[in-house]
């Protein structure tokens, strides 16, 4: 199965030192057991949602990046308009290196 890179609208919410990612709903099921949020350590990140879908976040502000370096889990909330579609946790991984994202993903921004 080919991996599909996806861009969605998103925002981060800091609630009492817990970080939540709120983003548009994506078709298909998230692999809630194996979801990973990978931060490059500098300015961008990706959510490995399942074995075939990676959500790319081209902009991660410094304050969120600082939190990502300190936490182990992020809460992911997928929204369908104003309604919550799905909520799950993703393990946080900080690379301190470039994300393994193909250059073609950046061309579609």
PDB file of N, CA and C in Angstrom:
ATOM      1  N   UNK A   1       0.831  -1.182   0.000  1.00  0.00           N
ATOM      2  CA  UNK A   1       0.000   0.000   0.000  1.00  0.00           C
ATOM      3  C   UNK A   1       0.877   1.248   0.000  1.00  0.00           C
ATOM      4  N   UNK A   2       0.607   2.158  -0.906  1.00  0.00           N
ATOM      5  CA  UNK A   2       1.351   3.411  -0.968  1.00  0.00           C
ATOM      6  C   UNK A   2       0.912   4.328   0.169  1.00  0.00           C
ATOM      7  N   UNK A   3       1.854   5.080   0.673  1.00  0.00           N
ATOM      8  CA  UNK A   3       1.542   6.027   1.743  1.00  0.00           C
ATOM      9  C   UNK A   3       1.020   7.319   1.127  1.00  0.00           C
ATOM     10  N   UNK A   4      -0.085   7.805   1.662  1.00  0.00           N
ATOM     11  CA  UNK A   4      -0.686   9.048   1.203  1.00  0.00           C
ATOM     12  C   UNK A   4      -0.386  10.139   2.229  1.00  0.00           C
ATOM     13  N   UNK A   5       0.199  11.240   1.765  1.00  0.00           N
ATOM     14  CA  UNK A   5       0.456  12.395   2.618  1.00  0.00           C
ATOM     15  C   UNK A   5      -0.717  13.358   2.486  1.00  0.00           C
ATOM     16  N   UNK A   6      -1.217  13.821   3.625  1.00  0.00           N
ATOM     17  CA  UNK A   6      -2.439  14.610   3.674  1.00  0.00           C
ATOM     18  C   UNK A   6      -2.166  15.939   4.375  1.00  0.00           C
ATOM     19  N   UNK A   7      -2.797  17.010   3.880  1.00  0.00           N
ATOM     20  CA  UNK A   7      -2.771  18.304   4.556  1.00  0.00           C
ATOM     21  C   UNK A   7      -4.187  18.646   4.978  1.00  0.00           C
ATOM     22  N   UNK A   8      -4.353  19.101   6.205  1.00  0.00           N
ATOM     23  CA  UNK A   8      -5.647  19.485   6.746  1.00  0.00           C
ATOM     24  C   UNK A   8      -5.493  20.797   7.515  1.00  0.00           C
ATOM     25  N   UNK A   9      -6.613  21.422   7.832  1.00  0.00           N
ATOM     26  CA  UNK A   9      -6.593  22.552   8.760  1.00  0.00           C
ATOM     27  C   UNK A   9      -6.363  21.994  10.159  1.00  0.00           C
ATOM     28  N   UNK A  10      -5.579  22.696  10.961  1.00  0.00           N
ATOM     29  CA  UNK A  10      -5.250  22.184  12.289  1.00  0.00           C
ATOM     30  C   UNK A  10      -4.901  23.313  13.242  1.00  0.00           C
ATOM     31  N   UNK A  11      -4.957  22.982  14.523  1.00  0.00           N
ATOM     32  CA  UNK A  11      -4.550  23.912  15.563  1.00  0.00           C
ATOM     33  C   UNK A  11      -4.126  23.085  16.768  1.00  0.00           C
ATOM     34  N   UNK A  12      -3.293  23.669  17.592  1.00  0.00           N
ATOM     35  CA  UNK A  12      -2.868  23.023  18.827  1.00  0.00           C
ATOM     36  C   UNK A  12      -3.464  23.767  20.000  1.00  0.00           C
ATOM     37  N   UNK A  13      -3.906  23.032  21.008  1.00  0.00           N
ATOM     38  CA  UNK A  13      -4.474  23.634  22.202  1.00  0.00           C
ATOM     39  C   UNK A  13      -3.692  23.129  23.412  1.00  0.00           C
ATOM     40  N   UNK A  14      -3.190  24.068  24.206  1.00  0.00           N
ATOM     41  CA  UNK A  14      -2.478  23.758  25.448  1.00  0.00           C
ATOM     42  C   UNK A  14      -3.488  23.888  26.582  1.00  0.00           C
ATOM     43  N   UNK A  15      -3.801  22.771  27.217  1.00  0.00           N
ATOM     44  CA  UNK A  15      -4.743  22.775  28.328  1.00  0.00           C
ATOM     45  C   UNK A  15      -4.050  22.183  29.544  1.00  0.00           C
ATOM     46  N   UNK A  16      -3.667  23.043  30.481  1.00  0.00           N
ATOM     47  CA  UNK A  16      -3.024  22.627  31.726  1.00  0.00           C
ATOM     48  C   UNK A  16      -1.832  21.704  31.457  1.00  0.00           C
ATOM     49  N   UNK A  17      -0.947  22.148  30.563  1.00  0.00           N
ATOM     50  CA  UNK A  17       0.267  21.432  30.189  1.00  0.00           C
ATOM     51  C   UNK A  17       0.023  20.091  29.501  1.00  0.00           C
ATOM     52  N   UNK A  18      -1.175  19.899  28.964  1.00  0.00           N
ATOM     53  CA  UNK A  18      -1.452  18.768  28.086  1.00  0.00           C
ATOM     54  C   UNK A  18      -1.722  19.360  26.714  1.00  0.00           C
ATOM     55  N   UNK A  19      -1.202  18.716  25.681  1.00  0.00           N
ATOM     56  CA  UNK A  19      -1.321  19.260  24.338  1.00  0.00           C
ATOM     57  C   UNK A  19      -2.338  18.467  23.530  1.00  0.00           C
ATOM     58  N   UNK A  20      -3.234  19.204  22.867  1.00  0.00           N
ATOM     59  CA  UNK A  20      -4.234  18.587  22.010  1.00  0.00           C
ATOM     60  C   UNK A  20      -4.058  19.133  20.597  1.00  0.00           C
ATOM     61  N   UNK A  21      -4.102  18.236  19.628  1.00  0.00           N
ATOM     62  CA  UNK A  21      -4.119  18.594  18.222  1.00  0.00           C
ATOM     63  C   UNK A  21      -5.557  18.490  17.750  1.00  0.00           C
ATOM     64  N   UNK A  22      -6.103  19.576  17.234  1.00  0.00           N
ATOM     65  CA  UNK A  22      -7.457  19.584  16.689  1.00  0.00           C
ATOM     66  C   UNK A  22      -7.304  19.771  15.184  1.00  0.00           C
ATOM     67  N   UNK A  23      -7.883  18.834  14.415  1.00  0.00           N
ATOM     68  CA  UNK A  23      -7.717  18.897  12.964  1.00  0.00           C
ATOM     69  C   UNK A  23      -8.977  18.424  12.263  1.00  0.00           C
ATOM     70  N   UNK A  24      -9.049  18.729  10.971  1.00  0.00           N
ATOM     71  CA  UNK A  24     -10.169  18.258  10.167  1.00  0.00           C
ATOM     72  C   UNK A  24     -10.186  16.737  10.123  1.00  0.00           C
ATOM     73  N   UNK A  25     -11.377  16.183  10.026  1.00  0.00           N
ATOM     74  CA  UNK A  25     -11.571  14.742   9.912  1.00  0.00           C
ATOM     75  C   UNK A  25     -10.934  14.227   8.615  1.00  0.00           C
ATOM     76  N   UNK A  26     -10.434  13.013   8.680  1.00  0.00           N
ATOM     77  CA  UNK A  26      -9.862  12.340   7.520  1.00  0.00           C
ATOM     78  C   UNK A  26     -10.623  11.042   7.310  1.00  0.00           C
ATOM     79  N   UNK A  27     -10.911  10.726   6.061  1.00  0.00           N
ATOM     80  CA  UNK A  27     -11.594   9.468   5.751  1.00  0.00           C
ATOM     81  C   UNK A  27     -10.710   8.285   6.139  1.00  0.00           C
ATOM     82  N   UNK A  28     -11.335   7.208   6.553  1.00  0.00           N
ATOM     83  CA  UNK A  28     -10.594   6.017   6.978  1.00  0.00           C
ATOM     84  C   UNK A  28     -10.390   6.021   8.479  1.00  0.00           C
ATOM     85  N   UNK A  29     -10.002   4.886   8.987  1.00  0.00           N
ATOM     86  CA  UNK A  29      -9.817   4.725  10.428  1.00  0.00           C
ATOM     87  C   UNK A  29      -8.386   5.021  10.859  1.00  0.00           C
ATOM     88  N   UNK A  30      -8.245   5.706  11.976  1.00  0.00           N
ATOM     89  CA  UNK A  30      -6.930   5.903  12.580  1.00  0.00           C
ATOM     90  C   UNK A  30      -6.537   4.617  13.296  1.00  0.00           C
ATOM     91  N   UNK A  31      -5.257   4.298  13.264  1.00  0.00           N
ATOM     92  CA  UNK A  31      -4.730   3.153  14.007  1.00  0.00           C
ATOM     93  C   UNK A  31      -4.393   3.653  15.407  1.00  0.00           C
ATOM     94  N   UNK A  32      -5.396   3.642  16.268  1.00  0.00           N
ATOM     95  CA  UNK A  32      -5.253   4.238  17.592  1.00  0.00           C
ATOM     96  C   UNK A  32      -4.197   3.553  18.449  1.00  0.00           C
ATOM     97  N   UNK A  33      -3.893   2.305  18.161  1.00  0.00           N
ATOM     98  CA  UNK A  33      -2.872   1.572  18.928  1.00  0.00           C
ATOM     99  C   UNK A  33      -1.455   2.006  18.544  1.00  0.00           C
ATOM    100  N   UNK A  34      -1.276   2.416  17.280  1.00  0.00           N
ATOM    101  CA  UNK A  34       0.072   2.680  16.774  1.00  0.00           C
ATOM    102  C   UNK A  34       0.276   4.090  16.239  1.00  0.00           C
ATOM    103  N   UNK A  35      -0.664   4.996  16.466  1.00  0.00           N
ATOM    104  CA  UNK A  35      -0.522   6.366  15.972  1.00  0.00           C
ATOM    105  C   UNK A  35       0.710   7.023  16.601  1.00  0.00           C
ATOM    106  N   UNK A  36       1.458   7.752  15.745  1.00  0.00           N
ATOM    107  CA  UNK A  36       2.660   8.442  16.212  1.00  0.00           C
ATOM    108  C   UNK A  36       2.665   9.865  15.690  1.00  0.00           C
ATOM    109  N   UNK A  37       3.031  10.806  16.540  1.00  0.00           N
ATOM    110  CA  UNK A  37       3.195  12.196  16.159  1.00  0.00           C
ATOM    111  C   UNK A  37       4.688  12.475  16.169  1.00  0.00           C
ATOM    112  N   UNK A  38       5.246  12.735  14.997  1.00  0.00           N
ATOM    113  CA  UNK A  38       6.693  12.900  14.852  1.00  0.00           C
ATOM    114  C   UNK A  38       7.006  14.366  14.591  1.00  0.00           C
ATOM    115  N   UNK A  39       7.788  14.968  15.488  1.00  0.00           N
ATOM    116  CA  UNK A  39       8.194  16.369  15.401  1.00  0.00           C
ATOM    117  C   UNK A  39       9.662  16.414  15.011  1.00  0.00           C
ATOM    118  N   UNK A  40      10.001  17.256  14.040  1.00  0.00           N
ATOM    119  CA  UNK A  40      11.393  17.313  13.587  1.00  0.00           C
ATOM    120  C   UNK A  40      12.310  17.981  14.611  1.00  0.00           C
ATOM    121  N   UNK A  41      11.734  18.633  15.609  1.00  0.00           N
ATOM    122  CA  UNK A  41      12.525  19.311  16.636  1.00  0.00           C
ATOM    123  C   UNK A  41      12.740  20.782  16.334  1.00  0.00           C
ATOM    124  N   UNK A  42      12.220  21.241  15.187  1.00  0.00           N
ATOM    125  CA  UNK A  42      12.472  22.610  14.755  1.00  0.00           C
ATOM    126  C   UNK A  42      11.193  23.362  14.379  1.00  0.00           C
ATOM    127  N   UNK A  43      10.453  22.882  13.354  1.00  0.00           N
ATOM    128  CA  UNK A  43       9.352  23.701  12.856  1.00  0.00           C
ATOM    129  C   UNK A  43       8.231  22.947  12.164  1.00  0.00           C
ATOM    130  N   UNK A  44       8.332  21.634  11.995  1.00  0.00           N
ATOM    131  CA  UNK A  44       7.259  20.905  11.329  1.00  0.00           C
ATOM    132  C   UNK A  44       7.105  19.515  11.931  1.00  0.00           C
ATOM    133  N   UNK A  45       5.978  18.881  11.605  1.00  0.00           N
ATOM    134  CA  UNK A  45       5.691  17.575  12.204  1.00  0.00           C
ATOM    135  C   UNK A  45       4.819  16.757  11.256  1.00  0.00           C
ATOM    136  N   UNK A  46       4.596  15.506  11.642  1.00  0.00           N
ATOM    137  CA  UNK A  46       3.686  14.644  10.896  1.00  0.00           C
ATOM    138  C   UNK A  46       3.030  13.667  11.858  1.00  0.00           C
ATOM    139  N   UNK A  47       1.803  13.310  11.530  1.00  0.00           N
ATOM    140  CA  UNK A  47       1.053  12.323  12.293  1.00  0.00           C
ATOM    141  C   UNK A  47       0.967  11.066  11.445  1.00  0.00           C
ATOM    142  N   UNK A  48       1.559   9.997  11.927  1.00  0.00           N
ATOM    143  CA  UNK A  48       1.424   8.708  11.262  1.00  0.00           C
ATOM    144  C   UNK A  48       0.104   8.149  11.777  1.00  0.00           C
ATOM    145  N   UNK A  49      -0.938   8.362  10.982  1.00  0.00           N
ATOM    146  CA  UNK A  49      -2.313   8.064  11.393  1.00  0.00           C
ATOM    147  C   UNK A  49      -2.612   6.570  11.296  1.00  0.00           C
ATOM    148  N   UNK A  50      -2.138   5.952  10.238  1.00  0.00           N
ATOM    149  CA  UNK A  50      -2.234   4.502  10.044  1.00  0.00           C
ATOM    150  C   UNK A  50      -1.161   4.124   9.032  1.00  0.00           C
ATOM    151  N   UNK A  51      -1.099   2.876   8.631  1.00  0.00           N
ATOM    152  CA  UNK A  51      -0.020   2.431   7.748  1.00  0.00           C
ATOM    153  C   UNK A  51      -0.081   3.048   6.354  1.00  0.00           C
ATOM    154  N   UNK A  52      -1.186   3.679   5.984  1.00  0.00           N
ATOM    155  CA  UNK A  52      -1.311   4.256   4.656  1.00  0.00           C
ATOM    156  C   UNK A  52      -1.504   5.756   4.623  1.00  0.00           C
ATOM    157  N   UNK A  53      -1.615   6.397   5.804  1.00  0.00           N
ATOM    158  CA  UNK A  53      -1.890   7.836   5.844  1.00  0.00           C
ATOM    159  C   UNK A  53      -0.953   8.559   6.814  1.00  0.00           C
ATOM    160  N   UNK A  54      -0.319   9.599   6.303  1.00  0.00           N
ATOM    161  CA  UNK A  54       0.506  10.482   7.123  1.00  0.00           C
ATOM    162  C   UNK A  54      -0.014  11.900   6.926  1.00  0.00           C
ATOM    163  N   UNK A  55      -0.317  12.562   8.022  1.00  0.00           N
ATOM    164  CA  UNK A  55      -0.778  13.943   7.972  1.00  0.00           C
ATOM    165  C   UNK A  55       0.436  14.828   8.220  1.00  0.00           C
ATOM    166  N   UNK A  56       0.694  15.744   7.296  1.00  0.00           N
ATOM    167  CA  UNK A  56       1.860  16.623   7.383  1.00  0.00           C
ATOM    168  C   UNK A  56       1.448  17.979   7.943  1.00  0.00           C
ATOM    169  N   UNK A  57       2.180  18.454   8.933  1.00  0.00           N
ATOM    170  CA  UNK A  57       1.939  19.752   9.558  1.00  0.00           C
ATOM    171  C   UNK A  57       3.162  20.630   9.280  1.00  0.00           C
ATOM    172  N   UNK A  58       3.086  21.478   8.246  1.00  0.00           N
ATOM    173  CA  UNK A  58       4.263  22.239   7.822  1.00  0.00           C
ATOM    174  C   UNK A  58       4.694  23.349   8.780  1.00  0.00           C
ATOM    175  N   UNK A  59       3.809  23.744   9.688  1.00  0.00           N
ATOM    176  CA  UNK A  59       4.152  24.821  10.624  1.00  0.00           C
ATOM    177  C   UNK A  59       3.797  24.396  12.054  1.00  0.00           C
ATOM    178  N   UNK A  60       4.820  24.322  12.877  1.00  0.00           N
ATOM    179  CA  UNK A  60       4.639  24.093  14.314  1.00  0.00           C
ATOM    180  C   UNK A  60       5.328  25.258  15.012  1.00  0.00           C
ATOM    181  N   UNK A  61       4.542  26.074  15.708  1.00  0.00           N
ATOM    182  CA  UNK A  61       5.118  27.254  16.371  1.00  0.00           C
ATOM    183  C   UNK A  61       6.019  26.826  17.524  1.00  0.00           C
ATOM    184  N   UNK A  62       6.936  27.710  17.879  1.00  0.00           N
ATOM    185  CA  UNK A  62       7.964  27.402  18.872  1.00  0.00           C
ATOM    186  C   UNK A  62       7.381  26.951  20.219  1.00  0.00           C
ATOM    187  N   UNK A  63       6.322  27.613  20.683  1.00  0.00           N
ATOM    188  CA  UNK A  63       5.760  27.243  21.988  1.00  0.00           C
ATOM    189  C   UNK A  63       5.214  25.812  21.968  1.00  0.00           C
ATOM    190  N   UNK A  64       4.601  25.403  20.850  1.00  0.00           N
ATOM    191  CA  UNK A  64       4.119  24.026  20.720  1.00  0.00           C
ATOM    192  C   UNK A  64       5.309  23.077  20.620  1.00  0.00           C
ATOM    193  N   UNK A  65       6.315  23.455  19.855  1.00  0.00           N
ATOM    194  CA  UNK A  65       7.518  22.641  19.740  1.00  0.00           C
ATOM    195  C   UNK A  65       8.179  22.399  21.084  1.00  0.00           C
ATOM    196  N   UNK A  66       8.219  23.436  21.912  1.00  0.00           N
ATOM    197  CA  UNK A  66       8.798  23.284  23.252  1.00  0.00           C
ATOM    198  C   UNK A  66       8.015  22.259  24.067  1.00  0.00           C
ATOM    199  N   UNK A  67       6.686  22.288  23.951  1.00  0.00           N
ATOM    200  CA  UNK A  67       5.864  21.306  24.671  1.00  0.00           C
ATOM    201  C   UNK A  67       6.096  19.892  24.138  1.00  0.00           C
ATOM    202  N   UNK A  68       6.198  19.775  22.815  1.00  0.00           N
ATOM    203  CA  UNK A  68       6.399  18.454  22.211  1.00  0.00           C
ATOM    204  C   UNK A  68       7.692  17.806  22.690  1.00  0.00           C
ATOM    205  N   UNK A  69       8.681  18.618  23.001  1.00  0.00           N
ATOM    206  CA  UNK A  69       9.957  18.091  23.487  1.00  0.00           C
ATOM    207  C   UNK A  69       9.850  17.569  24.913  1.00  0.00           C
ATOM    208  N   UNK A  70       8.774  17.934  25.615  1.00  0.00           N
ATOM    209  CA  UNK A  70       8.617  17.554  27.024  1.00  0.00           C
ATOM    210  C   UNK A  70       7.572  16.469  27.267  1.00  0.00           C
ATOM    211  N   UNK A  71       6.673  16.250  26.321  1.00  0.00           N
ATOM    212  CA  UNK A  71       5.573  15.308  26.568  1.00  0.00           C
ATOM    213  C   UNK A  71       5.801  13.997  25.829  1.00  0.00           C
ATOM    214  N   UNK A  72       5.070  12.992  26.219  1.00  0.00           N
ATOM    215  CA  UNK A  72       5.178  11.655  25.605  1.00  0.00           C
ATOM    216  C   UNK A  72       3.977  11.332  24.733  1.00  0.00           C
ATOM    217  N   UNK A  73       2.825  11.980  25.007  1.00  0.00           N
ATOM    218  CA  UNK A  73       1.580  11.674  24.300  1.00  0.00           C
ATOM    219  C   UNK A  73       0.867  12.974  23.949  1.00  0.00           C
ATOM    220  N   UNK A  74       0.270  13.010  22.752  1.00  0.00           N
ATOM    221  CA  UNK A  74      -0.574  14.125  22.341  1.00  0.00           C
ATOM    222  C   UNK A  74      -1.971  13.570  22.078  1.00  0.00           C
ATOM    223  N   UNK A  75      -2.975  14.331  22.459  1.00  0.00           N
ATOM    224  CA  UNK A  75      -4.358  13.945  22.204  1.00  0.00           C
ATOM    225  C   UNK A  75      -4.761  14.499  20.837  1.00  0.00           C
ATOM    226  N   UNK A  76      -5.241  13.633  19.954  1.00  0.00           N
ATOM    227  CA  UNK A  76      -5.646  14.029  18.607  1.00  0.00           C
ATOM    228  C   UNK A  76      -7.174  14.022  18.549  1.00  0.00           C
ATOM    229  N   UNK A  77      -7.752  15.146  18.109  1.00  0.00           N
ATOM    230  CA  UNK A  77      -9.198  15.259  17.956  1.00  0.00           C
ATOM    231  C   UNK A  77      -9.491  15.607  16.506  1.00  0.00           C
ATOM    232  N   UNK A  78     -10.210  14.714  15.832  1.00  0.00           N
ATOM    233  CA  UNK A  78     -10.599  14.953  14.446  1.00  0.00           C
ATOM    234  C   UNK A  78     -12.025  15.489  14.435  1.00  0.00           C
ATOM    235  N   UNK A  79     -12.212  16.601  13.733  1.00  0.00           N
ATOM    236  CA  UNK A  79     -13.497  17.291  13.717  1.00  0.00           C
ATOM    237  C   UNK A  79     -14.177  17.169  12.358  1.00  0.00           C
ATOM    238  N   UNK A  80     -15.492  16.975  12.399  1.00  0.00           N
ATOM    239  CA  UNK A  80     -16.336  17.010  11.212  1.00  0.00           C
ATOM    240  C   UNK A  80     -17.196  18.265  11.368  1.00  0.00           C
ATOM    241  N   UNK A  81     -16.691  19.379  10.867  1.00  0.00           N
ATOM    242  CA  UNK A  81     -17.356  20.653  11.122  1.00  0.00           C
ATOM    243  C   UNK A  81     -17.226  20.997  12.592  1.00  0.00           C
ATOM    244  N   UNK A  82     -18.367  21.193  13.262  1.00  0.00           N
ATOM    245  CA  UNK A  82     -18.365  21.493  14.694  1.00  0.00           C
ATOM    246  C   UNK A  82     -18.478  20.242  15.559  1.00  0.00           C
ATOM    247  N   UNK A  83     -18.608  19.084  14.935  1.00  0.00           N
ATOM    248  CA  UNK A  83     -18.791  17.831  15.668  1.00  0.00           C
ATOM    249  C   UNK A  83     -17.482  17.056  15.776  1.00  0.00           C
ATOM    250  N   UNK A  84     -17.276  16.441  16.934  1.00  0.00           N
ATOM    251  CA  UNK A  84     -16.104  15.584  17.129  1.00  0.00           C
ATOM    252  C   UNK A  84     -16.361  14.262  16.416  1.00  0.00           C
ATOM    253  N   UNK A  85     -15.444  13.909  15.519  1.00  0.00           N
ATOM    254  CA  UNK A  85     -15.549  12.651  14.771  1.00  0.00           C
ATOM    255  C   UNK A  85     -14.795  11.528  15.485  1.00  0.00           C
ATOM    256  N   UNK A  86     -13.576  11.824  15.971  1.00  0.00           N
ATOM    257  CA  UNK A  86     -12.749  10.798  16.606  1.00  0.00           C
ATOM    258  C   UNK A  86     -11.759  11.471  17.548  1.00  0.00           C
ATOM    259  N   UNK A  87     -11.416  10.778  18.621  1.00  0.00           N
ATOM    260  CA  UNK A  87     -10.414  11.247  19.583  1.00  0.00           C
ATOM    261  C   UNK A  87      -9.512  10.062  19.920  1.00  0.00           C
ATOM    262  N   UNK A  88      -8.199  10.279  19.849  1.00  0.00           N
ATOM    263  CA  UNK A  88      -7.253   9.212  20.177  1.00  0.00           C
ATOM    264  C   UNK A  88      -5.919   9.822  20.586  1.00  0.00           C
ATOM    265  N   UNK A  89      -5.092   9.015  21.188  1.00  0.00           N
ATOM    266  CA  UNK A  89      -3.771   9.462  21.601  1.00  0.00           C
ATOM    267  C   UNK A  89      -2.728   8.992  20.599  1.00  0.00           C
ATOM    268  N   UNK A  90      -1.668   9.781  20.470  1.00  0.00           N
ATOM    269  CA  UNK A  90      -0.539   9.406  19.626  1.00  0.00           C
ATOM    270  C   UNK A  90       0.748   9.597  20.430  1.00  0.00           C
ATOM    271  N   UNK A  91       1.639   8.646  20.322  1.00  0.00           N
ATOM    272  CA  UNK A  91       2.945   8.755  20.960  1.00  0.00           C
ATOM    273  C   UNK A  91       3.740   9.858  20.270  1.00  0.00           C
ATOM    274  N   UNK A  92       4.442  10.677  21.039  1.00  0.00           N
ATOM    275  CA  UNK A  92       5.245  11.767  20.497  1.00  0.00           C
ATOM    276  C   UNK A  92       6.694  11.299  20.353  1.00  0.00           C
ATOM    277  N   UNK A  93       7.246  11.588  19.187  1.00  0.00           N
ATOM    278  CA  UNK A  93       8.648  11.283  18.903  1.00  0.00           C
ATOM    279  C   UNK A  93       9.295  12.558  18.380  1.00  0.00           C
ATOM    280  N   UNK A  94      10.449  12.932  18.930  1.00  0.00           N
ATOM    281  CA  UNK A  94      11.182  14.119  18.490  1.00  0.00           C
ATOM    282  C   UNK A  94      12.455  13.647  17.802  1.00  0.00           C
ATOM    283  N   UNK A  95      12.615  14.013  16.538  1.00  0.00           N
ATOM    284  CA  UNK A  95      13.753  13.547  15.753  1.00  0.00           C
ATOM    285  C   UNK A  95      15.014  14.391  15.913  1.00  0.00           C
ATOM    286  N   UNK A  96      14.844  15.711  16.057  1.00  0.00           N
ATOM    287  CA  UNK A  96      15.968  16.643  15.988  1.00  0.00           C
ATOM    288  C   UNK A  96      16.718  16.470  14.671  1.00  0.00           C
ATOM    289  N   UNK A  97      15.944  16.238  13.617  1.00  0.00           N
ATOM    290  CA  UNK A  97      16.465  16.042  12.263  1.00  0.00           C
ATOM    291  C   UNK A  97      15.301  16.259  11.289  1.00  0.00           C
ATOM    292  N   UNK A  98      15.582  16.309  10.024  1.00  0.00           N
ATOM    293  CA  UNK A  98      14.534  16.500   9.019  1.00  0.00           C
ATOM    294  C   UNK A  98      13.550  15.345   9.023  1.00  0.00           C
ATOM    295  N   UNK A  99      12.295  15.668   8.743  1.00  0.00           N
ATOM    296  CA  UNK A  99      11.280  14.624   8.624  1.00  0.00           C
ATOM    297  C   UNK A  99      11.512  13.833   7.338  1.00  0.00           C
ATOM    298  N   UNK A 100      11.187  12.550   7.355  1.00  0.00           N
ATOM    299  CA  UNK A 100      11.311  11.745   6.134  1.00  0.00           C
ATOM    300  C   UNK A 100      10.097  11.951   5.219  1.00  0.00           C
ATOM    301  N   UNK A 101       9.964  13.170   4.698  1.00  0.00           N
ATOM    302  CA  UNK A 101       8.822  13.539   3.864  1.00  0.00           C
ATOM    303  C   UNK A 101       9.333  13.789   2.439  1.00  0.00           C
ATOM    304  N   UNK A 102       8.728  13.170   1.440  1.00  0.00           N
ATOM    305  CA  UNK A 102       9.161  13.401   0.054  1.00  0.00           C
ATOM    306  C   UNK A 102       8.994  14.866  -0.354  1.00  0.00           C
ATOM    307  N   UNK A 103       9.887  15.344  -1.205  1.00  0.00           N
ATOM    308  CA  UNK A 103       9.826  16.739  -1.657  1.00  0.00           C
ATOM    309  C   UNK A 103       8.511  17.066  -2.339  1.00  0.00           C
ATOM    310  N   UNK A 104       7.893  16.099  -2.969  1.00  0.00           N
ATOM    311  CA  UNK A 104       6.621  16.332  -3.673  1.00  0.00           C
ATOM    312  C   UNK A 104       5.519  16.792  -2.714  1.00  0.00           C
ATOM    313  N   UNK A 105       5.603  16.432  -1.434  1.00  0.00           N
ATOM    314  CA  UNK A 105       4.613  16.840  -0.444  1.00  0.00           C
ATOM    315  C   UNK A 105       4.648  18.364  -0.266  1.00  0.00           C
ATOM    316  N   UNK A 106       5.831  18.944  -0.339  1.00  0.00           N
ATOM    317  CA  UNK A 106       5.986  20.392  -0.159  1.00  0.00           C
ATOM    318  C   UNK A 106       5.470  21.165  -1.370  1.00  0.00           C
ATOM    319  N   UNK A 107       5.445  20.552  -2.521  1.00  0.00           N
ATOM    320  CA  UNK A 107       4.990  21.209  -3.742  1.00  0.00           C
ATOM    321  C   UNK A 107       3.491  21.480  -3.699  1.00  0.00           C
ATOM    322  N   UNK A 108       2.751  20.733  -2.881  1.00  0.00           N
ATOM    323  CA  UNK A 108       1.298  20.874  -2.816  1.00  0.00           C
ATOM    324  C   UNK A 108       0.835  21.819  -1.714  1.00  0.00           C
ATOM    325  N   UNK A 109       1.749  22.485  -1.051  1.00  0.00           N
ATOM    326  CA  UNK A 109       1.369  23.396   0.042  1.00  0.00           C
ATOM    327  C   UNK A 109       0.787  24.672  -0.496  1.00  0.00           C
TER     328      UNK A 109
END
